[in-house]
Amino acid sequence: MATGIAGQAFRRGALELTFLGLIVALLVVTAGWLAERRRLGAPARPIRVRGPYTAGG
């Protein structure tokens, strides 16, 4: 019985850690992307322009 409860708690903790890790990774990627755009002299808000640098690059 105790192992089942501990297993459930561990699974829930692992799931929460996974979601937390995904959120942190997303924040880090977003912050890095914004910092790089600022470093390149582009405005912080993306502007829709047709050109070679439009699609994610």
PDB file of N, CA and C in Angstrom:
ATOM      1  N   MET A   1       0.827  -1.199   0.000  1.00  0.00           N
ATOM      2  CA  MET A   1       0.000   0.000   0.000  1.00  0.00           C
ATOM      3  C   MET A   1       0.864   1.253   0.000  1.00  0.00           C
ATOM      4  N   ALA A   2       1.877   1.258   0.838  1.00  0.00           N
ATOM      5  CA  ALA A   2       2.735   2.443   0.934  1.00  0.00           C
ATOM      6  C   ALA A   2       3.483   2.681  -0.383  1.00  0.00           C
ATOM      7  N   THR A   3       3.904   1.582  -1.020  1.00  0.00           N
ATOM      8  CA  THR A   3       4.636   1.760  -2.275  1.00  0.00           C
ATOM      9  C   THR A   3       3.729   2.357  -3.346  1.00  0.00           C
ATOM     10  N   GLY A   4       2.446   1.994  -3.342  1.00  0.00           N
ATOM     11  CA  GLY A   4       1.518   2.563  -4.318  1.00  0.00           C
ATOM     12  C   GLY A   4       1.361   4.060  -4.118  1.00  0.00           C
ATOM     13  N   ILE A   5       1.226   4.482  -2.855  1.00  0.00           N
ATOM     14  CA  ILE A   5       1.082   5.914  -2.562  1.00  0.00           C
ATOM     15  C   ILE A   5       2.362   6.650  -2.949  1.00  0.00           C
ATOM     16  N   ALA A   6       3.502   6.061  -2.587  1.00  0.00           N
ATOM     17  CA  ALA A   6       4.772   6.702  -2.926  1.00  0.00           C
ATOM     18  C   ALA A   6       4.938   6.770  -4.447  1.00  0.00           C
ATOM     19  N   GLY A   7       4.521   5.712  -5.138  1.00  0.00           N
ATOM     20  CA  GLY A   7       4.620   5.711  -6.592  1.00  0.00           C
ATOM     21  C   GLY A   7       3.753   6.789  -7.211  1.00  0.00           C
ATOM     22  N   GLN A   8       2.537   6.959  -6.678  1.00  0.00           N
ATOM     23  CA  GLN A   8       1.660   8.011  -7.189  1.00  0.00           C
ATOM     24  C   GLN A   8       2.267   9.383  -6.943  1.00  0.00           C
ATOM     25  N   ALA A   9       2.796   9.592  -5.733  1.00  0.00           N
ATOM     26  CA  ALA A   9       3.399  10.889  -5.410  1.00  0.00           C
ATOM     27  C   ALA A   9       4.598  11.154  -6.318  1.00  0.00           C
ATOM     28  N   PHE A  10       5.404  10.112  -6.553  1.00  0.00           N
ATOM     29  CA  PHE A  10       6.570  10.292  -7.416  1.00  0.00           C
ATOM     30  C   PHE A  10       6.140  10.620  -8.835  1.00  0.00           C
ATOM     31  N   ARG A  11       5.114   9.896  -9.324  1.00  0.00           N
ATOM     32  CA  ARG A  11       4.644  10.163 -10.679  1.00  0.00           C
ATOM     33  C   ARG A  11       4.117  11.584 -10.799  1.00  0.00           C
ATOM     34  N   ARG A  12       3.335  12.017  -9.809  1.00  0.00           N
ATOM     35  CA  ARG A  12       2.791  13.372  -9.856  1.00  0.00           C
ATOM     36  C   ARG A  12       3.929  14.389  -9.808  1.00  0.00           C
ATOM     37  N   GLY A  13       4.901  14.156  -8.945  1.00  0.00           N
ATOM     38  CA  GLY A  13       6.043  15.068  -8.856  1.00  0.00           C
ATOM     39  C   GLY A  13       6.826  15.118 -10.161  1.00  0.00           C
ATOM     40  N   ALA A  14       7.002  13.951 -10.785  1.00  0.00           N
ATOM     41  CA  ALA A  14       7.734  13.917 -12.052  1.00  0.00           C
ATOM     42  C   ALA A  14       6.967  14.670 -13.130  1.00  0.00           C
ATOM     43  N   LEU A  15       5.642  14.520 -13.129  1.00  0.00           N
ATOM     44  CA  LEU A  15       4.829  15.221 -14.122  1.00  0.00           C
ATOM     45  C   LEU A  15       4.926  16.724 -13.920  1.00  0.00           C
ATOM     46  N   GLU A  16       4.832  17.158 -12.657  1.00  0.00           N
ATOM     47  CA  GLU A  16       4.941  18.591 -12.376  1.00  0.00           C
ATOM     48  C   GLU A  16       6.321  19.113 -12.772  1.00  0.00           C
ATOM     49  N   LEU A  17       7.357  18.339 -12.483  1.00  0.00           N
ATOM     50  CA  LEU A  17       8.707  18.756 -12.862  1.00  0.00           C
ATOM     51  C   LEU A  17       8.830  18.846 -14.378  1.00  0.00           C
ATOM     52  N   THR A  18       8.196  17.916 -15.086  1.00  0.00           N
ATOM     53  CA  THR A  18       8.262  17.951 -16.548  1.00  0.00           C
ATOM     54  C   THR A  18       7.601  19.209 -17.082  1.00  0.00           C
ATOM     55  N   PHE A  19       6.392  19.517 -16.568  1.00  0.00           N
ATOM     56  CA  PHE A  19       5.702  20.725 -17.022  1.00  0.00           C
ATOM     57  C   PHE A  19       6.499  21.967 -16.658  1.00  0.00           C
ATOM     58  N   LEU A  20       7.046  21.989 -15.441  1.00  0.00           N
ATOM     59  CA  LEU A  20       7.851  23.131 -15.015  1.00  0.00           C
ATOM     60  C   LEU A  20       9.066  23.289 -15.931  1.00  0.00           C
ATOM     61  N   GLY A  21       9.697  22.176 -16.263  1.00  0.00           N
ATOM     62  CA  GLY A  21      10.847  22.227 -17.160  1.00  0.00           C
ATOM     63  C   GLY A  21      10.480  22.755 -18.537  1.00  0.00           C
ATOM     64  N   LEU A  22       9.320  22.326 -19.045  1.00  0.00           N
ATOM     65  CA  LEU A  22       8.884  22.816 -20.356  1.00  0.00           C
ATOM     66  C   LEU A  22       8.627  24.312 -20.318  1.00  0.00           C
ATOM     67  N   ILE A  23       7.981  24.781 -19.239  1.00  0.00           N
ATOM     68  CA  ILE A  23       7.686  26.215 -19.125  1.00  0.00           C
ATOM     69  C   ILE A  23       8.984  27.010 -19.027  1.00  0.00           C
ATOM     70  N   VAL A  24       9.916  26.535 -18.207  1.00  0.00           N
ATOM     71  CA  VAL A  24      11.195  27.237 -18.057  1.00  0.00           C
ATOM     72  C   VAL A  24      11.947  27.256 -19.385  1.00  0.00           C
ATOM     73  N   ALA A  25      11.945  26.124 -20.090  1.00  0.00           N
ATOM     74  CA  ALA A  25      12.631  26.068 -21.384  1.00  0.00           C
ATOM     75  C   ALA A  25      12.006  27.052 -22.368  1.00  0.00           C
ATOM     76  N   LEU A  26      10.676  27.126 -22.361  1.00  0.00           N
ATOM     77  CA  LEU A  26      10.004  28.062 -23.259  1.00  0.00           C
ATOM     78  C   LEU A  26      10.373  29.497 -22.920  1.00  0.00           C
ATOM     79  N   LEU A  27      10.422  29.812 -21.619  1.00  0.00           N
ATOM     80  CA  LEU A  27      10.801  31.165 -21.206  1.00  0.00           C
ATOM     81  C   LEU A  27      12.229  31.481 -21.627  1.00  0.00           C
ATOM     82  N   VAL A  28      13.132  30.519 -21.441  1.00  0.00           N
ATOM     83  CA  VAL A  28      14.535  30.742 -21.800  1.00  0.00           C
ATOM     84  C   VAL A  28      14.672  30.961 -23.305  1.00  0.00           C
ATOM     85  N   VAL A  29      13.976  30.140 -24.088  1.00  0.00           N
ATOM     86  CA  VAL A  29      14.050  30.285 -25.545  1.00  0.00           C
ATOM     87  C   VAL A  29      13.490  31.634 -25.974  1.00  0.00           C
ATOM     88  N   THR A  30      12.354  32.021 -25.376  1.00  0.00           N
ATOM     89  CA  THR A  30      11.743  33.305 -25.734  1.00  0.00           C
ATOM     90  C   THR A  30      12.656  34.460 -25.356  1.00  0.00           C
ATOM     91  N   ALA A  31      13.234  34.400 -24.157  1.00  0.00           N
ATOM     92  CA  ALA A  31      14.127  35.475 -23.718  1.00  0.00           C
ATOM     93  C   ALA A  31      15.356  35.554 -24.623  1.00  0.00           C
ATOM     94  N   GLY A  32      15.910  34.405 -24.980  1.00  0.00           N
ATOM     95  CA  GLY A  32      17.065  34.399 -25.869  1.00  0.00           C
ATOM     96  C   GLY A  32      16.726  34.942 -27.246  1.00  0.00           C
ATOM     97  N   TRP A  33      15.533  34.594 -27.747  1.00  0.00           N
ATOM     98  CA  TRP A  33      15.114  35.084 -29.067  1.00  0.00           C
ATOM     99  C   TRP A  33      14.947  36.597 -29.039  1.00  0.00           C
ATOM    100  N   LEU A  34      14.307  37.106 -27.976  1.00  0.00           N
ATOM    101  CA  LEU A  34      14.123  38.557 -27.866  1.00  0.00           C
ATOM    102  C   LEU A  34      15.468  39.266 -27.738  1.00  0.00           C
ATOM    103  N   ALA A  35      16.373  38.699 -26.933  1.00  0.00           N
ATOM    104  CA  ALA A  35      17.680  39.322 -26.751  1.00  0.00           C
ATOM    105  C   ALA A  35      18.448  39.348 -28.074  1.00  0.00           C
ATOM    106  N   GLU A  36      18.339  38.264 -28.841  1.00  0.00           N
ATOM    107  CA  GLU A  36      19.061  38.229 -30.118  1.00  0.00           C
ATOM    108  C   GLU A  36      18.464  39.234 -31.093  1.00  0.00           C
ATOM    109  N   ARG A  37      17.144  39.346 -31.129  1.00  0.00           N
ATOM    110  CA  ARG A  37      16.524  40.328 -32.023  1.00  0.00           C
ATOM    111  C   ARG A  37      16.943  41.740 -31.623  1.00  0.00           C
ATOM    112  N   ARG A  38      16.991  42.003 -30.315  1.00  0.00           N
ATOM    113  CA  ARG A  38      17.396  43.325 -29.860  1.00  0.00           C
ATOM    114  C   ARG A  38      18.856  43.580 -30.226  1.00  0.00           C
ATOM    115  N   ARG A  39      19.681  42.529 -30.084  1.00  0.00           N
ATOM    116  CA  ARG A  39      21.099  42.683 -30.401  1.00  0.00           C
ATOM    117  C   ARG A  39      21.285  42.970 -31.889  1.00  0.00           C
ATOM    118  N   LEU A  40      20.440  42.389 -32.714  1.00  0.00           N
ATOM    119  CA  LEU A  40      20.550  42.607 -34.157  1.00  0.00           C
ATOM    120  C   LEU A  40      19.947  43.940 -34.582  1.00  0.00           C
ATOM    121  N   GLY A  41      19.366  44.664 -33.638  1.00  0.00           N
ATOM    122  CA  GLY A  41      18.836  45.978 -33.954  1.00  0.00           C
ATOM    123  C   GLY A  41      17.404  45.962 -34.441  1.00  0.00           C
ATOM    124  N   ALA A  42      16.765  44.800 -34.425  1.00  0.00           N
ATOM    125  CA  ALA A  42      15.368  44.738 -34.840  1.00  0.00           C
ATOM    126  C   ALA A  42      14.482  45.136 -33.661  1.00  0.00           C
ATOM    127  N   PRO A  43      13.297  45.634 -33.937  1.00  0.00           N
ATOM    128  CA  PRO A  43      12.380  45.964 -32.840  1.00  0.00           C
ATOM    129  C   PRO A  43      11.956  44.710 -32.088  1.00  0.00           C
ATOM    130  N   ALA A  44      11.527  44.881 -30.839  1.00  0.00           N
ATOM    131  CA  ALA A  44      11.156  43.730 -30.027  1.00  0.00           C
ATOM    132  C   ALA A  44       9.902  43.056 -30.576  1.00  0.00           C
ATOM    133  N   ARG A  45       9.006  43.846 -31.163  1.00  0.00           N
ATOM    134  CA  ARG A  45       7.807  43.264 -31.758  1.00  0.00           C
ATOM    135  C   ARG A  45       8.112  42.814 -33.176  1.00  0.00           C
ATOM    136  N   PRO A  46       7.721  41.600 -33.533  1.00  0.00           N
ATOM    137  CA  PRO A  46       7.946  41.164 -34.914  1.00  0.00           C
ATOM    138  C   PRO A  46       7.072  41.950 -35.879  1.00  0.00           C
ATOM    139  N   ILE A  47       7.647  42.334 -37.002  1.00  0.00           N
ATOM    140  CA  ILE A  47       6.912  43.051 -38.035  1.00  0.00           C
ATOM    141  C   ILE A  47       6.783  42.119 -39.235  1.00  0.00           C
ATOM    142  N   ARG A  48       5.581  42.042 -39.786  1.00  0.00           N
ATOM    143  CA  ARG A  48       5.376  41.128 -40.910  1.00  0.00           C
ATOM    144  C   ARG A  48       5.944  41.754 -42.181  1.00  0.00           C
ATOM    145  N   VAL A  49       6.998  41.131 -42.676  1.00  0.00           N
ATOM    146  CA  VAL A  49       7.634  41.619 -43.896  1.00  0.00           C
ATOM    147  C   VAL A  49       7.876  40.416 -44.786  1.00  0.00           C
ATOM    148  N   ARG A  50       7.689  40.590 -46.071  1.00  0.00           N
ATOM    149  CA  ARG A  50       8.035  39.497 -46.984  1.00  0.00           C
ATOM    150  C   ARG A  50       9.528  39.598 -47.300  1.00  0.00           C
ATOM    151  N   GLY A  51      10.232  38.508 -47.025  1.00  0.00           N
ATOM    152  CA  GLY A  51      11.657  38.558 -47.267  1.00  0.00           C
ATOM    153  C   GLY A  51      12.329  37.287 -46.803  1.00  0.00           C
ATOM    154  N   PRO A  52      13.644  37.231 -46.967  1.00  0.00           N
ATOM    155  CA  PRO A  52      14.370  35.998 -46.625  1.00  0.00           C
ATOM    156  C   PRO A  52      14.432  35.735 -45.129  1.00  0.00           C
ATOM    157  N   TYR A  53      14.184  36.743 -44.295  1.00  0.00           N
ATOM    158  CA  TYR A  53      14.324  36.557 -42.856  1.00  0.00           C
ATOM    159  C   TYR A  53      12.974  36.401 -42.172  1.00  0.00           C
ATOM    160  N   THR A  54      11.918  36.098 -42.933  1.00  0.00           N
ATOM    161  CA  THR A  54      10.586  36.072 -42.336  1.00  0.00           C
ATOM    162  C   THR A  54      10.342  34.784 -41.566  1.00  0.00           C
ATOM    163  N   ALA A  55      10.622  33.629 -42.165  1.00  0.00           N
ATOM    164  CA  ALA A  55      10.173  32.362 -41.597  1.00  0.00           C
ATOM    165  C   ALA A  55      11.166  31.847 -40.567  1.00  0.00           C
ATOM    166  N   GLY A  56      11.067  32.345 -39.357  1.00  0.00           N
ATOM    167  CA  GLY A  56      11.762  31.761 -38.225  1.00  0.00           C
ATOM    168  C   GLY A  56      13.264  31.869 -38.241  1.00  0.00           C
ATOM    169  N   GLY A  57      13.832  32.648 -39.118  1.00  0.00           N
ATOM    170  CA  GLY A  57      15.261  32.585 -39.169  1.00  0.00           C
ATOM    171  C   GLY A  57      15.947  33.893 -39.058  1.00  0.00           C
TER     172      GLY A  57
END
